N, C-alpha and C. Protein backbone atom coordinates (compact mmCIF):
# COMPACT_ATOMS: atom_id res chain seq x y z
N MET A 1 0.85 -1.18 0.00
CA MET A 1 0.00 0.00 0.00
C MET A 1 0.89 1.25 0.00
N THR A 2 0.50 2.24 -0.73
CA THR A 2 1.25 3.48 -0.83
C THR A 2 1.18 4.25 0.50
N PRO A 3 2.33 4.70 1.02
CA PRO A 3 2.30 5.49 2.26
C PRO A 3 1.43 6.74 2.08
N LEU A 4 0.81 7.18 3.15
CA LEU A 4 -0.06 8.36 3.10
C LEU A 4 0.64 9.57 2.50
N ARG A 5 1.89 9.82 2.86
CA ARG A 5 2.58 11.03 2.38
C ARG A 5 2.82 11.02 0.88
N ASP A 6 2.72 9.83 0.25
CA ASP A 6 2.93 9.72 -1.19
C ASP A 6 1.63 9.73 -1.99
N ARG A 7 0.51 9.82 -1.31
CA ARG A 7 -0.79 9.87 -1.99
C ARG A 7 -1.16 11.32 -2.30
N LYS A 8 -2.16 11.49 -3.15
CA LYS A 8 -2.67 12.80 -3.52
C LYS A 8 -4.11 12.94 -3.02
N CYS A 9 -4.46 14.13 -2.62
CA CYS A 9 -5.83 14.40 -2.19
C CYS A 9 -6.76 14.38 -3.40
N ARG A 10 -8.02 14.06 -3.13
CA ARG A 10 -9.02 14.04 -4.20
C ARG A 10 -10.25 14.81 -3.75
N ASP A 11 -11.11 15.12 -4.69
CA ASP A 11 -12.35 15.81 -4.37
C ASP A 11 -13.37 14.83 -3.79
N TYR A 12 -14.13 15.32 -2.83
CA TYR A 12 -15.23 14.54 -2.25
C TYR A 12 -16.51 15.33 -2.48
N ALA A 13 -17.47 14.71 -3.10
CA ALA A 13 -18.76 15.36 -3.34
C ALA A 13 -19.53 15.47 -2.04
N PRO A 14 -20.29 16.55 -1.87
CA PRO A 14 -21.16 16.63 -0.71
C PRO A 14 -22.04 15.37 -0.65
N GLY A 15 -22.22 14.87 0.55
CA GLY A 15 -23.00 13.65 0.73
C GLY A 15 -22.13 12.40 0.83
N THR A 16 -20.84 12.52 0.46
CA THR A 16 -19.93 11.40 0.63
C THR A 16 -19.80 11.14 2.13
N PRO A 17 -19.90 9.89 2.55
CA PRO A 17 -19.79 9.62 4.00
C PRO A 17 -18.39 9.94 4.52
N ALA A 18 -18.34 10.54 5.69
CA ALA A 18 -17.07 10.78 6.37
C ALA A 18 -16.57 9.45 6.94
N LEU A 19 -15.28 9.42 7.27
CA LEU A 19 -14.71 8.22 7.88
C LEU A 19 -15.37 7.96 9.23
N ASP A 20 -15.56 6.70 9.55
CA ASP A 20 -16.05 6.38 10.89
C ASP A 20 -14.85 6.28 11.83
N ALA A 21 -15.09 6.08 13.12
CA ALA A 21 -14.02 6.08 14.12
C ALA A 21 -12.98 5.00 13.84
N GLU A 22 -13.40 3.83 13.44
CA GLU A 22 -12.46 2.74 13.17
C GLU A 22 -11.57 3.06 11.97
N GLN A 23 -12.16 3.56 10.90
CA GLN A 23 -11.39 3.93 9.71
C GLN A 23 -10.38 5.03 10.04
N ALA A 24 -10.82 6.02 10.83
CA ALA A 24 -9.96 7.13 11.20
C ALA A 24 -8.79 6.65 12.07
N ARG A 25 -9.07 5.78 13.03
CA ARG A 25 -8.00 5.26 13.89
C ARG A 25 -6.98 4.47 13.09
N LYS A 26 -7.43 3.73 12.09
CA LYS A 26 -6.51 2.97 11.26
C LYS A 26 -5.56 3.91 10.51
N LEU A 27 -6.09 4.98 9.94
CA LEU A 27 -5.25 5.96 9.24
C LEU A 27 -4.35 6.72 10.22
N LEU A 28 -4.86 7.00 11.42
CA LEU A 28 -4.07 7.69 12.43
C LEU A 28 -2.81 6.92 12.78
N SER A 29 -2.87 5.61 12.70
CA SER A 29 -1.70 4.79 13.05
C SER A 29 -0.52 5.04 12.10
N GLY A 30 -0.77 5.63 10.94
CA GLY A 30 0.29 5.94 10.00
C GLY A 30 0.90 7.33 10.18
N LEU A 31 0.46 8.04 11.22
CA LEU A 31 0.94 9.40 11.46
C LEU A 31 1.80 9.48 12.72
N ASP A 32 2.47 10.61 12.88
CA ASP A 32 3.22 10.88 14.09
C ASP A 32 2.28 10.83 15.30
N LYS A 33 2.81 10.44 16.42
CA LYS A 33 2.00 10.26 17.64
C LYS A 33 1.36 11.55 18.15
N GLY A 34 1.79 12.70 17.64
CA GLY A 34 1.23 13.97 18.11
C GLY A 34 -0.16 14.28 17.58
N TRP A 35 -0.58 13.61 16.53
CA TRP A 35 -1.90 13.86 15.94
C TRP A 35 -2.99 13.23 16.79
N ARG A 36 -4.13 13.92 16.92
CA ARG A 36 -5.27 13.44 17.69
C ARG A 36 -6.55 13.59 16.87
N ILE A 37 -7.41 12.62 16.98
CA ILE A 37 -8.75 12.70 16.40
C ILE A 37 -9.66 13.23 17.49
N THR A 38 -10.49 14.20 17.16
CA THR A 38 -11.42 14.72 18.16
C THR A 38 -12.45 13.66 18.55
N ASP A 39 -13.03 13.82 19.72
CA ASP A 39 -14.00 12.85 20.23
C ASP A 39 -15.17 12.63 19.29
N ASP A 40 -15.57 13.68 18.56
CA ASP A 40 -16.70 13.54 17.64
C ASP A 40 -16.27 12.99 16.27
N VAL A 41 -15.00 12.67 16.10
CA VAL A 41 -14.42 12.11 14.88
C VAL A 41 -14.66 13.02 13.66
N LYS A 42 -14.66 14.32 13.90
CA LYS A 42 -14.89 15.26 12.80
C LYS A 42 -13.63 16.01 12.39
N SER A 43 -12.57 15.95 13.21
CA SER A 43 -11.35 16.64 12.84
C SER A 43 -10.12 15.95 13.42
N LEU A 44 -8.99 16.32 12.82
CA LEU A 44 -7.68 15.79 13.16
C LEU A 44 -6.83 16.98 13.58
N ARG A 45 -6.19 16.90 14.76
CA ARG A 45 -5.50 18.06 15.32
C ARG A 45 -4.09 17.72 15.77
N ARG A 46 -3.25 18.75 15.73
CA ARG A 46 -1.91 18.61 16.30
C ARG A 46 -1.37 19.99 16.64
N ALA A 47 -0.65 20.07 17.76
CA ALA A 47 0.03 21.28 18.17
C ALA A 47 1.53 21.11 17.94
N PHE A 48 2.15 22.12 17.40
CA PHE A 48 3.58 22.13 17.14
C PHE A 48 4.22 23.26 17.95
N ALA A 49 5.41 23.02 18.48
CA ALA A 49 6.15 24.04 19.23
C ALA A 49 7.47 24.32 18.52
N PHE A 50 7.89 25.60 18.54
CA PHE A 50 9.10 26.03 17.87
C PHE A 50 9.90 26.93 18.81
N GLU A 51 11.17 27.08 18.51
CA GLU A 51 12.06 27.88 19.35
C GLU A 51 11.82 29.38 19.23
N ASP A 52 11.31 29.81 18.07
CA ASP A 52 11.14 31.23 17.87
C ASP A 52 10.12 31.50 16.77
N PHE A 53 9.83 32.77 16.57
CA PHE A 53 8.83 33.17 15.59
C PHE A 53 9.26 32.82 14.17
N HIS A 54 10.53 33.01 13.85
CA HIS A 54 11.03 32.72 12.50
C HIS A 54 10.77 31.26 12.13
N ARG A 55 11.11 30.33 13.01
CA ARG A 55 10.88 28.91 12.72
C ARG A 55 9.39 28.59 12.62
N THR A 56 8.61 29.25 13.45
CA THR A 56 7.15 29.04 13.39
C THR A 56 6.63 29.45 12.02
N MET A 57 7.03 30.62 11.57
CA MET A 57 6.53 31.12 10.30
C MET A 57 7.06 30.32 9.11
N ALA A 58 8.28 29.82 9.21
CA ALA A 58 8.81 28.96 8.15
C ALA A 58 7.95 27.70 8.05
N PHE A 59 7.57 27.15 9.19
CA PHE A 59 6.69 25.97 9.21
C PHE A 59 5.33 26.31 8.60
N VAL A 60 4.75 27.43 9.00
CA VAL A 60 3.44 27.83 8.47
C VAL A 60 3.50 28.00 6.96
N ASN A 61 4.57 28.58 6.45
CA ASN A 61 4.72 28.74 5.00
C ASN A 61 4.83 27.39 4.31
N ALA A 62 5.54 26.44 4.90
CA ALA A 62 5.63 25.10 4.33
C ALA A 62 4.27 24.41 4.37
N LEU A 63 3.56 24.61 5.47
CA LEU A 63 2.21 24.05 5.59
C LEU A 63 1.28 24.63 4.53
N ALA A 64 1.39 25.92 4.29
CA ALA A 64 0.57 26.58 3.26
C ALA A 64 0.88 26.02 1.88
N TRP A 65 2.15 25.76 1.62
CA TRP A 65 2.55 25.19 0.33
C TRP A 65 1.92 23.81 0.14
N ILE A 66 1.96 22.97 1.18
CA ILE A 66 1.35 21.64 1.10
C ILE A 66 -0.15 21.78 0.85
N ALA A 67 -0.80 22.64 1.60
CA ALA A 67 -2.25 22.83 1.46
C ALA A 67 -2.60 23.29 0.05
N HIS A 68 -1.83 24.19 -0.49
CA HIS A 68 -2.09 24.68 -1.85
C HIS A 68 -1.87 23.56 -2.88
N ALA A 69 -0.76 22.83 -2.73
CA ALA A 69 -0.44 21.75 -3.68
C ALA A 69 -1.50 20.66 -3.67
N GLU A 70 -2.06 20.38 -2.50
CA GLU A 70 -3.06 19.32 -2.37
C GLU A 70 -4.49 19.85 -2.50
N ASP A 71 -4.66 21.16 -2.55
CA ASP A 71 -5.98 21.80 -2.58
C ASP A 71 -6.85 21.29 -1.42
N HIS A 72 -6.21 21.21 -0.27
CA HIS A 72 -6.90 20.78 0.96
C HIS A 72 -6.35 21.63 2.09
N HIS A 73 -7.18 22.49 2.66
CA HIS A 73 -6.70 23.56 3.51
C HIS A 73 -7.12 23.38 4.96
N PRO A 74 -6.14 23.37 5.86
CA PRO A 74 -6.46 23.25 7.28
C PRO A 74 -6.81 24.60 7.89
N ASP A 75 -7.33 24.54 9.09
CA ASP A 75 -7.42 25.73 9.93
C ASP A 75 -6.17 25.69 10.79
N PHE A 76 -5.60 26.84 11.05
CA PHE A 76 -4.48 26.85 11.97
C PHE A 76 -4.46 28.13 12.78
N GLU A 77 -3.85 28.00 13.96
CA GLU A 77 -3.68 29.11 14.88
C GLU A 77 -2.17 29.26 15.09
N VAL A 78 -1.69 30.48 14.95
CA VAL A 78 -0.25 30.72 14.98
C VAL A 78 0.07 31.81 15.99
N GLY A 79 1.15 31.61 16.71
CA GLY A 79 1.66 32.62 17.64
C GLY A 79 3.15 32.41 17.81
N TYR A 80 3.75 33.19 18.66
CA TYR A 80 5.18 33.08 18.89
C TYR A 80 5.51 31.68 19.42
N GLY A 81 6.21 30.90 18.61
CA GLY A 81 6.69 29.58 19.04
C GLY A 81 5.67 28.45 18.96
N TYR A 82 4.51 28.69 18.37
CA TYR A 82 3.55 27.59 18.26
C TYR A 82 2.68 27.70 17.01
N CYS A 83 2.18 26.56 16.59
CA CYS A 83 1.19 26.48 15.52
C CYS A 83 0.29 25.29 15.83
N ARG A 84 -1.00 25.52 15.84
CA ARG A 84 -1.99 24.45 16.02
C ARG A 84 -2.69 24.24 14.69
N VAL A 85 -2.74 22.98 14.26
CA VAL A 85 -3.27 22.65 12.94
C VAL A 85 -4.51 21.77 13.13
N VAL A 86 -5.57 22.08 12.37
CA VAL A 86 -6.80 21.30 12.42
C VAL A 86 -7.22 20.98 10.99
N PHE A 87 -7.35 19.68 10.71
CA PHE A 87 -7.84 19.24 9.41
C PHE A 87 -9.24 18.66 9.56
N SER A 88 -10.09 18.95 8.58
CA SER A 88 -11.41 18.37 8.45
C SER A 88 -11.83 18.58 7.00
N THR A 89 -12.57 17.65 6.46
CA THR A 89 -13.05 17.80 5.08
C THR A 89 -14.44 18.41 5.15
N HIS A 90 -14.49 19.71 4.96
CA HIS A 90 -15.74 20.46 5.16
C HIS A 90 -16.86 20.00 4.23
N SER A 91 -16.52 19.60 3.02
CA SER A 91 -17.56 19.22 2.05
C SER A 91 -18.34 17.98 2.50
N ILE A 92 -17.75 17.17 3.38
CA ILE A 92 -18.46 15.97 3.85
C ILE A 92 -18.77 16.03 5.34
N GLY A 93 -18.37 17.11 6.00
CA GLY A 93 -18.70 17.29 7.41
C GLY A 93 -17.96 16.38 8.37
N GLY A 94 -16.75 15.99 8.00
CA GLY A 94 -15.98 15.11 8.89
C GLY A 94 -14.63 14.80 8.28
N LEU A 95 -14.08 13.69 8.69
CA LEU A 95 -12.75 13.30 8.23
C LEU A 95 -12.81 12.49 6.94
N SER A 96 -11.81 12.74 6.09
CA SER A 96 -11.61 11.94 4.89
C SER A 96 -10.13 11.54 4.85
N GLU A 97 -9.78 10.71 3.91
CA GLU A 97 -8.39 10.33 3.74
C GLU A 97 -7.52 11.56 3.47
N ASN A 98 -8.08 12.59 2.83
CA ASN A 98 -7.32 13.81 2.54
C ASN A 98 -6.69 14.41 3.80
N ASP A 99 -7.42 14.39 4.90
CA ASP A 99 -6.92 14.96 6.14
C ASP A 99 -5.66 14.24 6.60
N PHE A 100 -5.65 12.93 6.46
CA PHE A 100 -4.52 12.12 6.89
C PHE A 100 -3.35 12.21 5.90
N ILE A 101 -3.67 12.36 4.63
CA ILE A 101 -2.62 12.56 3.62
C ILE A 101 -1.86 13.85 3.93
N CYS A 102 -2.57 14.92 4.15
CA CYS A 102 -1.91 16.20 4.43
C CYS A 102 -1.14 16.15 5.75
N ALA A 103 -1.71 15.50 6.75
CA ALA A 103 -0.99 15.36 8.03
C ALA A 103 0.31 14.60 7.83
N ALA A 104 0.28 13.55 7.04
CA ALA A 104 1.50 12.77 6.77
C ALA A 104 2.53 13.60 6.02
N LYS A 105 2.09 14.45 5.12
CA LYS A 105 3.02 15.32 4.40
C LYS A 105 3.65 16.33 5.36
N ILE A 106 2.89 16.81 6.32
CA ILE A 106 3.43 17.71 7.34
C ILE A 106 4.44 16.95 8.21
N ASP A 107 4.13 15.73 8.57
CA ASP A 107 5.07 14.92 9.37
C ASP A 107 6.40 14.76 8.65
N ALA A 108 6.38 14.74 7.33
CA ALA A 108 7.60 14.53 6.55
C ALA A 108 8.46 15.80 6.43
N LEU A 109 7.94 16.96 6.89
CA LEU A 109 8.72 18.20 6.79
C LEU A 109 10.00 18.10 7.61
């Protein structure tokens, strides 16, 4: 099976079922241990810490590049020395493989 970081995101039509908890946990096992699935299984989250603002912003710029290349955009919160990333596939109202693909690409940074 192709590793998540080597896959490409795809479009999901509204009405496509979101991943269930078991499917999401299986995909989570392919990511860094810092990623968490929310209790409602609607999003994937991770907090990152950095030594300074410059490193934080370099990470955010790399994250933006991944999001643009995959056409799958997370929500993120940024401040001095931290970035919190939240993935969810809004068109289906929950998690899709796209969320895990992008998370894996971030793990590879």
